[in-house]
Amino acid sequence: MSASLARSLAALLIVFFSSGCGYRTVGHSSALAPDVHTIAIPEFASQSREFRVEQLLTDAVIREFNTRTQFKVVNNPHEDADAVLKGTVLSASSTPLAYDSQTGRAASALVTVSVQVTLTNRQGKILFQNPSYLFHDQYEISRDVSTFFQEESPAMDRLSRDFAHTLVANILEAY
């Protein structure tokens, strides 16, 4: 091996091993300003007629912030919060996907939720915004009435957790 090739290989290895992997601890370093320590998350508004969807989404987002970050979360935006996260459920629906050929009844359905989210600081400057999150979750509809189990509610719980996980990751990583 020539001396210049050896030097090039050594330089490449030094650059490779000295560069970080890109990972960071969530909540300790984020795209948010360093002066943001407390985030107010009031209950999301809803333009949907679906029952309690805004409550499920708000609760999931609060739980995700509390679990994954070091931020203090409060409900009231008038408390001493450094930032306020507001959400509006634009729509929520459940649509049949497949039908039972013998009975003509729905066999599976798709729940879809569209949410608008804005995070602002005390001065009203937008720190993060997404005007149209769109989330889906599919669920099966029981065909046997005697063992019927309403699956729409667990599907909405799963969707809420997925939404919250994505939202918090997007805010922390500034996507």
N, C-alpha and C. Protein backbone atom coordinates (compact mmCIF):
# COMPACT_ATOMS: atom_id res chain seq x y z
N MET A 1 0.86 -1.16 0.00
CA MET A 1 0.00 0.00 0.00
C MET A 1 0.91 1.23 0.00
N SER A 2 0.60 2.17 -0.85
CA SER A 2 1.42 3.38 -0.96
C SER A 2 1.19 4.27 0.25
N ALA A 3 2.14 5.16 0.50
CA ALA A 3 2.07 6.06 1.65
C ALA A 3 0.91 7.03 1.50
N SER A 4 0.65 7.52 0.28
CA SER A 4 -0.44 8.49 0.11
C SER A 4 -1.79 7.80 0.28
N LEU A 5 -1.89 6.55 -0.17
CA LEU A 5 -3.14 5.80 0.02
C LEU A 5 -3.37 5.53 1.50
N ALA A 6 -2.31 5.20 2.24
CA ALA A 6 -2.42 4.94 3.67
C ALA A 6 -2.85 6.21 4.42
N ARG A 7 -2.26 7.37 4.02
CA ARG A 7 -2.64 8.64 4.66
C ARG A 7 -4.10 8.99 4.36
N SER A 8 -4.51 8.75 3.13
CA SER A 8 -5.91 9.03 2.75
C SER A 8 -6.87 8.15 3.53
N LEU A 9 -6.52 6.87 3.64
CA LEU A 9 -7.36 5.94 4.39
C LEU A 9 -7.40 6.33 5.87
N ALA A 10 -6.27 6.72 6.43
CA ALA A 10 -6.22 7.14 7.83
C ALA A 10 -7.06 8.40 8.04
N ALA A 11 -6.96 9.35 7.13
CA ALA A 11 -7.76 10.58 7.24
C ALA A 11 -9.24 10.27 7.15
N LEU A 12 -9.60 9.37 6.25
CA LEU A 12 -11.00 8.99 6.11
C LEU A 12 -11.51 8.32 7.38
N LEU A 13 -10.72 7.44 7.97
CA LEU A 13 -11.11 6.78 9.22
C LEU A 13 -11.26 7.78 10.37
N ILE A 14 -10.37 8.76 10.42
CA ILE A 14 -10.46 9.78 11.48
C ILE A 14 -11.75 10.57 11.33
N VAL A 15 -12.06 10.99 10.10
CA VAL A 15 -13.29 11.73 9.86
C VAL A 15 -14.50 10.88 10.21
N PHE A 16 -14.47 9.61 9.80
CA PHE A 16 -15.60 8.71 10.06
C PHE A 16 -15.84 8.52 11.55
N PHE A 17 -14.77 8.24 12.31
CA PHE A 17 -14.95 7.96 13.73
C PHE A 17 -15.14 9.21 14.57
N SER A 18 -14.72 10.37 14.07
CA SER A 18 -14.91 11.58 14.86
C SER A 18 -16.27 12.22 14.62
N SER A 19 -16.91 11.84 13.54
CA SER A 19 -18.24 12.40 13.28
C SER A 19 -19.25 11.68 14.17
N GLY A 20 -20.21 12.42 14.70
CA GLY A 20 -21.22 11.84 15.58
C GLY A 20 -22.20 11.01 14.79
N CYS A 21 -22.94 10.18 15.48
CA CYS A 21 -23.92 9.33 14.83
C CYS A 21 -25.19 10.09 14.48
N GLY A 22 -25.36 11.28 15.04
CA GLY A 22 -26.55 12.06 14.71
C GLY A 22 -27.67 11.88 15.72
N TYR A 23 -27.53 10.97 16.65
CA TYR A 23 -28.58 10.76 17.64
C TYR A 23 -28.43 11.77 18.77
N ARG A 24 -29.56 12.09 19.37
CA ARG A 24 -29.54 12.93 20.55
C ARG A 24 -30.69 12.51 21.45
N THR A 25 -30.56 12.81 22.72
CA THR A 25 -31.59 12.43 23.68
C THR A 25 -32.80 13.33 23.50
N VAL A 26 -33.95 12.75 23.32
CA VAL A 26 -35.17 13.52 23.10
C VAL A 26 -35.48 14.33 24.34
N GLY A 27 -35.83 15.60 24.12
CA GLY A 27 -36.20 16.47 25.23
C GLY A 27 -35.03 17.23 25.80
N HIS A 28 -33.81 16.76 25.55
CA HIS A 28 -32.64 17.47 26.05
C HIS A 28 -32.11 18.43 24.99
N SER A 29 -32.32 18.10 23.77
CA SER A 29 -31.90 18.95 22.67
C SER A 29 -33.00 18.88 21.63
N SER A 30 -33.47 20.00 21.21
CA SER A 30 -34.56 19.98 20.23
C SER A 30 -34.47 21.19 19.34
N ALA A 31 -35.34 21.22 18.37
CA ALA A 31 -35.39 22.35 17.46
C ALA A 31 -36.05 23.56 18.12
N LEU A 32 -36.67 23.36 19.26
CA LEU A 32 -37.31 24.47 19.97
C LEU A 32 -36.25 25.37 20.58
N ALA A 33 -36.60 26.62 20.77
CA ALA A 33 -35.68 27.58 21.39
C ALA A 33 -35.27 27.07 22.77
N PRO A 34 -34.06 27.34 23.18
CA PRO A 34 -33.59 26.86 24.49
C PRO A 34 -34.34 27.46 25.67
N ASP A 35 -35.08 28.55 25.44
CA ASP A 35 -35.83 29.17 26.54
C ASP A 35 -37.22 28.55 26.71
N VAL A 36 -37.56 27.52 25.92
CA VAL A 36 -38.85 26.84 26.07
C VAL A 36 -38.68 25.68 27.06
N HIS A 37 -39.32 25.82 28.20
CA HIS A 37 -39.27 24.79 29.24
C HIS A 37 -40.66 24.29 29.60
N THR A 38 -41.67 25.16 29.41
CA THR A 38 -43.04 24.83 29.76
C THR A 38 -43.92 25.00 28.52
N ILE A 39 -44.71 23.98 28.22
CA ILE A 39 -45.61 24.02 27.07
C ILE A 39 -47.04 23.85 27.56
N ALA A 40 -47.89 24.81 27.18
CA ALA A 40 -49.32 24.70 27.49
C ALA A 40 -50.00 23.95 26.35
N ILE A 41 -50.79 22.94 26.72
CA ILE A 41 -51.54 22.18 25.73
C ILE A 41 -53.01 22.18 26.17
N PRO A 42 -53.76 23.21 25.74
CA PRO A 42 -55.19 23.21 26.06
C PRO A 42 -55.90 22.15 25.21
N GLU A 43 -57.11 21.78 25.63
CA GLU A 43 -57.84 20.77 24.86
C GLU A 43 -58.03 21.24 23.42
N PHE A 44 -57.79 20.33 22.50
CA PHE A 44 -57.95 20.65 21.09
C PHE A 44 -59.39 21.04 20.79
N ALA A 45 -59.56 21.92 19.83
CA ALA A 45 -60.90 22.28 19.35
C ALA A 45 -61.33 21.21 18.35
N SER A 46 -62.62 21.18 18.04
CA SER A 46 -63.10 20.19 17.07
C SER A 46 -64.13 20.78 16.15
N GLN A 47 -63.95 20.53 14.87
CA GLN A 47 -64.94 20.88 13.86
C GLN A 47 -65.66 19.61 13.40
N SER A 48 -65.39 18.52 14.09
CA SER A 48 -65.97 17.22 13.76
C SER A 48 -67.15 16.92 14.68
N ARG A 49 -68.04 16.08 14.21
CA ARG A 49 -69.17 15.67 15.05
C ARG A 49 -68.88 14.37 15.79
N GLU A 50 -67.68 13.79 15.58
CA GLU A 50 -67.30 12.56 16.28
C GLU A 50 -67.15 12.86 17.77
N PHE A 51 -67.69 11.99 18.58
CA PHE A 51 -67.71 12.17 20.03
C PHE A 51 -66.31 11.98 20.63
N ARG A 52 -65.83 12.95 21.38
CA ARG A 52 -64.61 12.91 22.18
C ARG A 52 -63.30 12.75 21.42
N VAL A 53 -63.27 12.87 20.12
CA VAL A 53 -62.02 12.67 19.39
C VAL A 53 -60.98 13.71 19.80
N GLU A 54 -61.40 14.94 20.05
CA GLU A 54 -60.45 15.98 20.45
C GLU A 54 -59.86 15.69 21.83
N GLN A 55 -60.65 15.08 22.71
CA GLN A 55 -60.15 14.72 24.04
C GLN A 55 -59.11 13.61 23.94
N LEU A 56 -59.38 12.60 23.12
CA LEU A 56 -58.43 11.50 22.95
C LEU A 56 -57.10 11.99 22.39
N LEU A 57 -57.17 12.86 21.39
CA LEU A 57 -55.94 13.38 20.77
C LEU A 57 -55.16 14.27 21.73
N THR A 58 -55.86 15.14 22.45
CA THR A 58 -55.19 16.01 23.42
C THR A 58 -54.52 15.18 24.51
N ASP A 59 -55.23 14.22 25.07
CA ASP A 59 -54.66 13.36 26.12
C ASP A 59 -53.44 12.60 25.63
N ALA A 60 -53.50 12.10 24.40
CA ALA A 60 -52.37 11.34 23.84
C ALA A 60 -51.15 12.25 23.65
N VAL A 61 -51.37 13.48 23.20
CA VAL A 61 -50.25 14.41 22.99
C VAL A 61 -49.62 14.78 24.34
N ILE A 62 -50.44 15.05 25.34
CA ILE A 62 -49.91 15.38 26.67
C ILE A 62 -49.11 14.20 27.22
N ARG A 63 -49.65 13.00 27.09
CA ARG A 63 -48.96 11.80 27.57
C ARG A 63 -47.62 11.62 26.84
N GLU A 64 -47.61 11.86 25.55
CA GLU A 64 -46.37 11.71 24.76
C GLU A 64 -45.33 12.74 25.17
N PHE A 65 -45.73 13.99 25.38
CA PHE A 65 -44.78 15.01 25.84
C PHE A 65 -44.24 14.65 27.22
N ASN A 66 -45.11 14.19 28.11
CA ASN A 66 -44.66 13.83 29.46
C ASN A 66 -43.74 12.62 29.45
N THR A 67 -43.98 11.68 28.55
CA THR A 67 -43.19 10.45 28.49
C THR A 67 -41.84 10.66 27.81
N ARG A 68 -41.83 11.43 26.73
CA ARG A 68 -40.64 11.51 25.89
C ARG A 68 -39.78 12.75 26.07
N THR A 69 -40.25 13.73 26.83
CA THR A 69 -39.48 14.98 26.92
C THR A 69 -39.32 15.43 28.37
N GLN A 70 -38.51 16.45 28.54
CA GLN A 70 -38.29 17.06 29.85
C GLN A 70 -39.14 18.31 30.04
N PHE A 71 -39.98 18.65 29.04
CA PHE A 71 -40.80 19.84 29.13
C PHE A 71 -41.88 19.67 30.19
N LYS A 72 -42.16 20.77 30.90
CA LYS A 72 -43.30 20.78 31.83
C LYS A 72 -44.53 21.07 30.98
N VAL A 73 -45.57 20.29 31.16
CA VAL A 73 -46.80 20.45 30.38
C VAL A 73 -47.90 20.96 31.30
N VAL A 74 -48.57 22.03 30.88
CA VAL A 74 -49.70 22.59 31.61
C VAL A 74 -50.89 22.65 30.66
N ASN A 75 -52.09 22.73 31.22
CA ASN A 75 -53.30 22.76 30.39
C ASN A 75 -53.72 24.17 30.01
N ASN A 76 -53.50 25.12 30.89
CA ASN A 76 -54.00 26.48 30.71
C ASN A 76 -52.96 27.34 30.00
N PRO A 77 -53.28 27.88 28.82
CA PRO A 77 -52.31 28.71 28.11
C PRO A 77 -52.01 30.03 28.82
N HIS A 78 -52.82 30.39 29.81
CA HIS A 78 -52.59 31.63 30.55
C HIS A 78 -51.65 31.42 31.73
N GLU A 79 -51.31 30.16 32.01
CA GLU A 79 -50.31 29.91 33.05
C GLU A 79 -48.97 30.37 32.50
N ASP A 80 -47.95 30.25 33.29
CA ASP A 80 -46.63 30.72 32.90
C ASP A 80 -45.98 29.74 31.91
N ALA A 81 -46.50 29.70 30.69
CA ALA A 81 -45.99 28.77 29.67
C ALA A 81 -45.10 29.52 28.68
N ASP A 82 -44.03 28.87 28.27
CA ASP A 82 -43.12 29.45 27.29
C ASP A 82 -43.65 29.29 25.87
N ALA A 83 -44.50 28.27 25.67
CA ALA A 83 -45.08 28.02 24.35
C ALA A 83 -46.47 27.41 24.53
N VAL A 84 -47.31 27.57 23.50
CA VAL A 84 -48.66 27.02 23.54
C VAL A 84 -48.87 26.18 22.28
N LEU A 85 -49.32 24.94 22.49
CA LEU A 85 -49.62 24.03 21.39
C LEU A 85 -51.14 23.95 21.24
N LYS A 86 -51.64 24.45 20.11
CA LYS A 86 -53.08 24.42 19.85
C LYS A 86 -53.36 23.48 18.69
N GLY A 87 -54.43 22.72 18.84
CA GLY A 87 -54.83 21.81 17.78
C GLY A 87 -56.31 21.94 17.49
N THR A 88 -56.67 21.67 16.24
CA THR A 88 -58.06 21.65 15.84
C THR A 88 -58.31 20.40 15.02
N VAL A 89 -59.27 19.60 15.44
CA VAL A 89 -59.67 18.43 14.67
C VAL A 89 -60.54 18.95 13.53
N LEU A 90 -60.02 18.85 12.31
CA LEU A 90 -60.75 19.36 11.15
C LEU A 90 -61.85 18.41 10.72
N SER A 91 -61.56 17.10 10.80
CA SER A 91 -62.56 16.10 10.46
C SER A 91 -62.19 14.77 11.09
N ALA A 92 -63.21 13.96 11.31
CA ALA A 92 -63.04 12.60 11.82
C ALA A 92 -64.18 11.78 11.25
N SER A 93 -63.84 10.64 10.68
CA SER A 93 -64.89 9.81 10.08
C SER A 93 -64.50 8.34 10.13
N SER A 94 -65.52 7.52 10.01
CA SER A 94 -65.34 6.07 9.93
C SER A 94 -66.07 5.61 8.67
N THR A 95 -65.33 4.94 7.79
CA THR A 95 -65.86 4.56 6.49
C THR A 95 -65.71 3.05 6.27
N PRO A 96 -66.76 2.36 5.83
CA PRO A 96 -66.63 0.93 5.54
C PRO A 96 -65.60 0.69 4.43
N LEU A 97 -64.77 -0.35 4.62
CA LEU A 97 -63.77 -0.70 3.62
C LEU A 97 -64.16 -1.94 2.83
N ALA A 98 -64.68 -2.93 3.55
CA ALA A 98 -65.04 -4.20 2.90
C ALA A 98 -66.39 -4.66 3.46
N TYR A 99 -67.10 -5.39 2.63
CA TYR A 99 -68.42 -5.88 3.02
C TYR A 99 -68.43 -7.40 2.98
N ASP A 100 -69.24 -7.99 3.87
CA ASP A 100 -69.46 -9.43 3.89
C ASP A 100 -70.38 -9.78 2.72
N SER A 101 -69.94 -10.66 1.85
CA SER A 101 -70.71 -10.99 0.64
C SER A 101 -72.03 -11.71 0.96
N GLN A 102 -72.11 -12.39 2.10
CA GLN A 102 -73.32 -13.12 2.45
C GLN A 102 -74.38 -12.22 3.10
N THR A 103 -73.94 -11.34 3.99
CA THR A 103 -74.89 -10.51 4.72
C THR A 103 -75.02 -9.10 4.16
N GLY A 104 -74.03 -8.66 3.42
CA GLY A 104 -74.03 -7.29 2.91
C GLY A 104 -73.62 -6.26 3.95
N ARG A 105 -73.26 -6.73 5.14
CA ARG A 105 -72.85 -5.83 6.21
C ARG A 105 -71.36 -5.51 6.08
N ALA A 106 -70.96 -4.38 6.62
CA ALA A 106 -69.55 -3.99 6.61
C ALA A 106 -68.73 -5.00 7.41
N ALA A 107 -67.59 -5.39 6.88
CA ALA A 107 -66.69 -6.34 7.55
C ALA A 107 -65.48 -5.62 8.16
N SER A 108 -65.09 -4.52 7.56
CA SER A 108 -64.00 -3.72 8.11
C SER A 108 -64.26 -2.26 7.78
N ALA A 109 -63.60 -1.41 8.55
CA ALA A 109 -63.80 0.03 8.37
C ALA A 109 -62.48 0.75 8.56
N LEU A 110 -62.45 1.98 8.11
CA LEU A 110 -61.28 2.83 8.22
C LEU A 110 -61.69 4.10 8.95
N VAL A 111 -60.98 4.39 10.05
CA VAL A 111 -61.22 5.64 10.77
C VAL A 111 -60.14 6.62 10.30
N THR A 112 -60.56 7.84 9.97
CA THR A 112 -59.66 8.87 9.44
C THR A 112 -59.85 10.15 10.23
N VAL A 113 -58.73 10.76 10.61
CA VAL A 113 -58.76 12.00 11.37
C VAL A 113 -57.80 12.99 10.72
N SER A 114 -58.26 14.23 10.55
CA SER A 114 -57.43 15.32 10.04
C SER A 114 -57.32 16.37 11.15
N VAL A 115 -56.07 16.78 11.44
CA VAL A 115 -55.82 17.70 12.55
C VAL A 115 -54.88 18.82 12.11
N GLN A 116 -55.20 20.02 12.56
CA GLN A 116 -54.34 21.19 12.33
C GLN A 116 -53.66 21.52 13.66
N VAL A 117 -52.34 21.79 13.63
CA VAL A 117 -51.59 22.03 14.86
C VAL A 117 -50.67 23.24 14.68
N THR A 118 -50.62 24.08 15.73
CA THR A 118 -49.71 25.22 15.74
C THR A 118 -49.10 25.37 17.12
N LEU A 119 -47.78 25.53 17.16
CA LEU A 119 -47.05 25.78 18.40
C LEU A 119 -46.47 27.19 18.30
N THR A 120 -46.83 28.04 19.26
CA THR A 120 -46.35 29.42 19.26
C THR A 120 -45.65 29.73 20.57
N ASN A 121 -44.72 30.70 20.53
CA ASN A 121 -44.08 31.12 21.77
C ASN A 121 -44.90 32.22 22.44
N ARG A 122 -44.40 32.78 23.52
CA ARG A 122 -45.14 33.81 24.27
C ARG A 122 -45.46 35.05 23.44
N GLN A 123 -44.59 35.36 22.51
CA GLN A 123 -44.78 36.54 21.67
C GLN A 123 -45.69 36.27 20.47
N GLY A 124 -46.14 35.04 20.33
CA GLY A 124 -47.02 34.68 19.22
C GLY A 124 -46.29 34.21 17.97
N LYS A 125 -44.97 34.11 18.04
CA LYS A 125 -44.19 33.62 16.90
C LYS A 125 -44.43 32.12 16.73
N ILE A 126 -44.68 31.70 15.48
CA ILE A 126 -44.93 30.29 15.21
C ILE A 126 -43.62 29.52 15.26
N LEU A 127 -43.55 28.53 16.16
CA LEU A 127 -42.38 27.68 16.29
C LEU A 127 -42.52 26.41 15.46
N PHE A 128 -43.77 25.96 15.31
CA PHE A 128 -44.06 24.75 14.52
C PHE A 128 -45.50 24.85 14.07
N GLN A 129 -45.73 24.38 12.83
CA GLN A 129 -47.10 24.39 12.33
C GLN A 129 -47.27 23.28 11.30
N ASN A 130 -48.40 22.60 11.37
CA ASN A 130 -48.79 21.65 10.34
C ASN A 130 -50.29 21.82 10.15
N PRO A 131 -50.70 22.33 8.99
CA PRO A 131 -52.12 22.61 8.78
C PRO A 131 -52.98 21.39 8.48
N SER A 132 -52.36 20.23 8.26
CA SER A 132 -53.21 19.08 7.89
C SER A 132 -52.54 17.73 8.13
N TYR A 133 -52.44 17.37 9.41
CA TYR A 133 -52.04 15.99 9.71
C TYR A 133 -53.20 15.10 9.30
N LEU A 134 -52.91 13.97 8.67
CA LEU A 134 -53.95 13.04 8.26
C LEU A 134 -53.55 11.65 8.74
N PHE A 135 -54.37 11.05 9.61
CA PHE A 135 -54.07 9.73 10.16
C PHE A 135 -55.23 8.78 9.91
N HIS A 136 -54.89 7.50 9.67
CA HIS A 136 -55.88 6.45 9.40
C HIS A 136 -55.60 5.25 10.29
N ASP A 137 -56.64 4.51 10.61
CA ASP A 137 -56.48 3.21 11.26
C ASP A 137 -57.64 2.32 10.83
N GLN A 138 -57.31 1.10 10.47
CA GLN A 138 -58.32 0.14 10.01
C GLN A 138 -58.72 -0.78 11.16
N TYR A 139 -59.96 -1.19 11.15
CA TYR A 139 -60.41 -2.15 12.16
C TYR A 139 -61.45 -3.08 11.56
N GLU A 140 -61.53 -4.27 12.14
CA GLU A 140 -62.49 -5.28 11.71
C GLU A 140 -63.80 -5.10 12.49
N ILE A 141 -64.89 -5.41 11.84
CA ILE A 141 -66.20 -5.35 12.49
C ILE A 141 -66.66 -6.78 12.72
N SER A 142 -67.01 -7.09 13.95
CA SER A 142 -67.40 -8.45 14.31
C SER A 142 -68.65 -8.88 13.54
N ARG A 143 -68.63 -10.10 13.06
CA ARG A 143 -69.78 -10.64 12.32
C ARG A 143 -70.73 -11.40 13.23
N ASP A 144 -70.22 -11.84 14.36
CA ASP A 144 -71.01 -12.63 15.29
C ASP A 144 -71.57 -11.70 16.38
N VAL A 145 -72.87 -11.52 16.37
CA VAL A 145 -73.51 -10.60 17.31
C VAL A 145 -73.30 -11.04 18.76
N SER A 146 -73.25 -12.33 19.03
CA SER A 146 -73.11 -12.80 20.41
C SER A 146 -71.72 -12.48 20.98
N THR A 147 -70.72 -12.37 20.13
CA THR A 147 -69.37 -12.04 20.61
C THR A 147 -68.93 -10.67 20.13
N PHE A 148 -69.91 -9.82 19.83
CA PHE A 148 -69.61 -8.51 19.27
C PHE A 148 -68.75 -7.68 20.22
N PHE A 149 -67.73 -7.10 19.67
CA PHE A 149 -66.86 -6.20 20.41
C PHE A 149 -66.65 -4.97 19.55
N GLN A 150 -66.98 -3.81 20.09
CA GLN A 150 -66.84 -2.58 19.34
C GLN A 150 -65.36 -2.24 19.18
N GLU A 151 -64.84 -2.31 17.97
CA GLU A 151 -63.42 -2.11 17.70
C GLU A 151 -63.09 -0.67 17.33
N GLU A 152 -64.08 0.17 17.08
CA GLU A 152 -63.79 1.54 16.67
C GLU A 152 -63.06 2.32 17.76
N SER A 153 -63.43 2.13 19.00
CA SER A 153 -62.78 2.85 20.09
C SER A 153 -61.30 2.48 20.23
N PRO A 154 -60.93 1.18 20.24
CA PRO A 154 -59.49 0.84 20.27
C PRO A 154 -58.75 1.36 19.04
N ALA A 155 -59.41 1.38 17.89
CA ALA A 155 -58.78 1.92 16.68
C ALA A 155 -58.49 3.40 16.86
N MET A 156 -59.41 4.13 17.45
CA MET A 156 -59.21 5.55 17.69
C MET A 156 -58.10 5.77 18.72
N ASP A 157 -58.00 4.90 19.71
CA ASP A 157 -56.90 4.98 20.68
C ASP A 157 -55.55 4.78 19.99
N ARG A 158 -55.47 3.78 19.12
CA ARG A 158 -54.22 3.53 18.38
C ARG A 158 -53.87 4.73 17.51
N LEU A 159 -54.86 5.26 16.81
CA LEU A 159 -54.64 6.41 15.94
C LEU A 159 -54.16 7.61 16.76
N SER A 160 -54.75 7.83 17.92
CA SER A 160 -54.35 8.95 18.79
C SER A 160 -52.90 8.82 19.23
N ARG A 161 -52.50 7.60 19.61
CA ARG A 161 -51.11 7.37 20.02
C ARG A 161 -50.15 7.60 18.85
N ASP A 162 -50.51 7.12 17.66
CA ASP A 162 -49.67 7.32 16.48
C ASP A 162 -49.54 8.80 16.15
N PHE A 163 -50.66 9.52 16.21
CA PHE A 163 -50.65 10.96 15.95
C PHE A 163 -49.74 11.67 16.95
N ALA A 164 -49.91 11.38 18.24
CA ALA A 164 -49.12 12.04 19.27
C ALA A 164 -47.64 11.76 19.11
N HIS A 165 -47.30 10.51 18.83
CA HIS A 165 -45.89 10.14 18.63
C HIS A 165 -45.29 10.92 17.46
N THR A 166 -46.01 10.98 16.37
CA THR A 166 -45.53 11.69 15.18
C THR A 166 -45.42 13.19 15.43
N LEU A 167 -46.44 13.77 16.05
CA LEU A 167 -46.45 15.21 16.33
C LEU A 167 -45.26 15.60 17.21
N VAL A 168 -45.05 14.91 18.31
CA VAL A 168 -43.96 15.25 19.22
C VAL A 168 -42.62 15.08 18.52
N ALA A 169 -42.45 14.00 17.77
CA ALA A 169 -41.20 13.82 17.02
C ALA A 169 -40.99 14.94 16.02
N ASN A 170 -42.04 15.34 15.32
CA ASN A 170 -41.94 16.43 14.35
C ASN A 170 -41.55 17.74 15.02
N ILE A 171 -42.13 18.04 16.16
CA ILE A 171 -41.82 19.27 16.88
C ILE A 171 -40.37 19.25 17.36
N LEU A 172 -39.95 18.15 17.92
CA LEU A 172 -38.59 18.06 18.46
C LEU A 172 -37.54 18.07 17.37
N GLU A 173 -37.85 17.50 16.25
CA GLU A 173 -36.88 17.43 15.16
C GLU A 173 -37.06 18.52 14.12
N ALA A 174 -38.09 19.35 14.26
CA ALA A 174 -38.39 20.49 13.37
C ALA A 174 -38.59 20.09 11.93
N TYR A 175 -39.45 19.08 11.72
CA TYR A 175 -39.78 18.68 10.35
C TYR A 175 -40.91 19.50 9.84
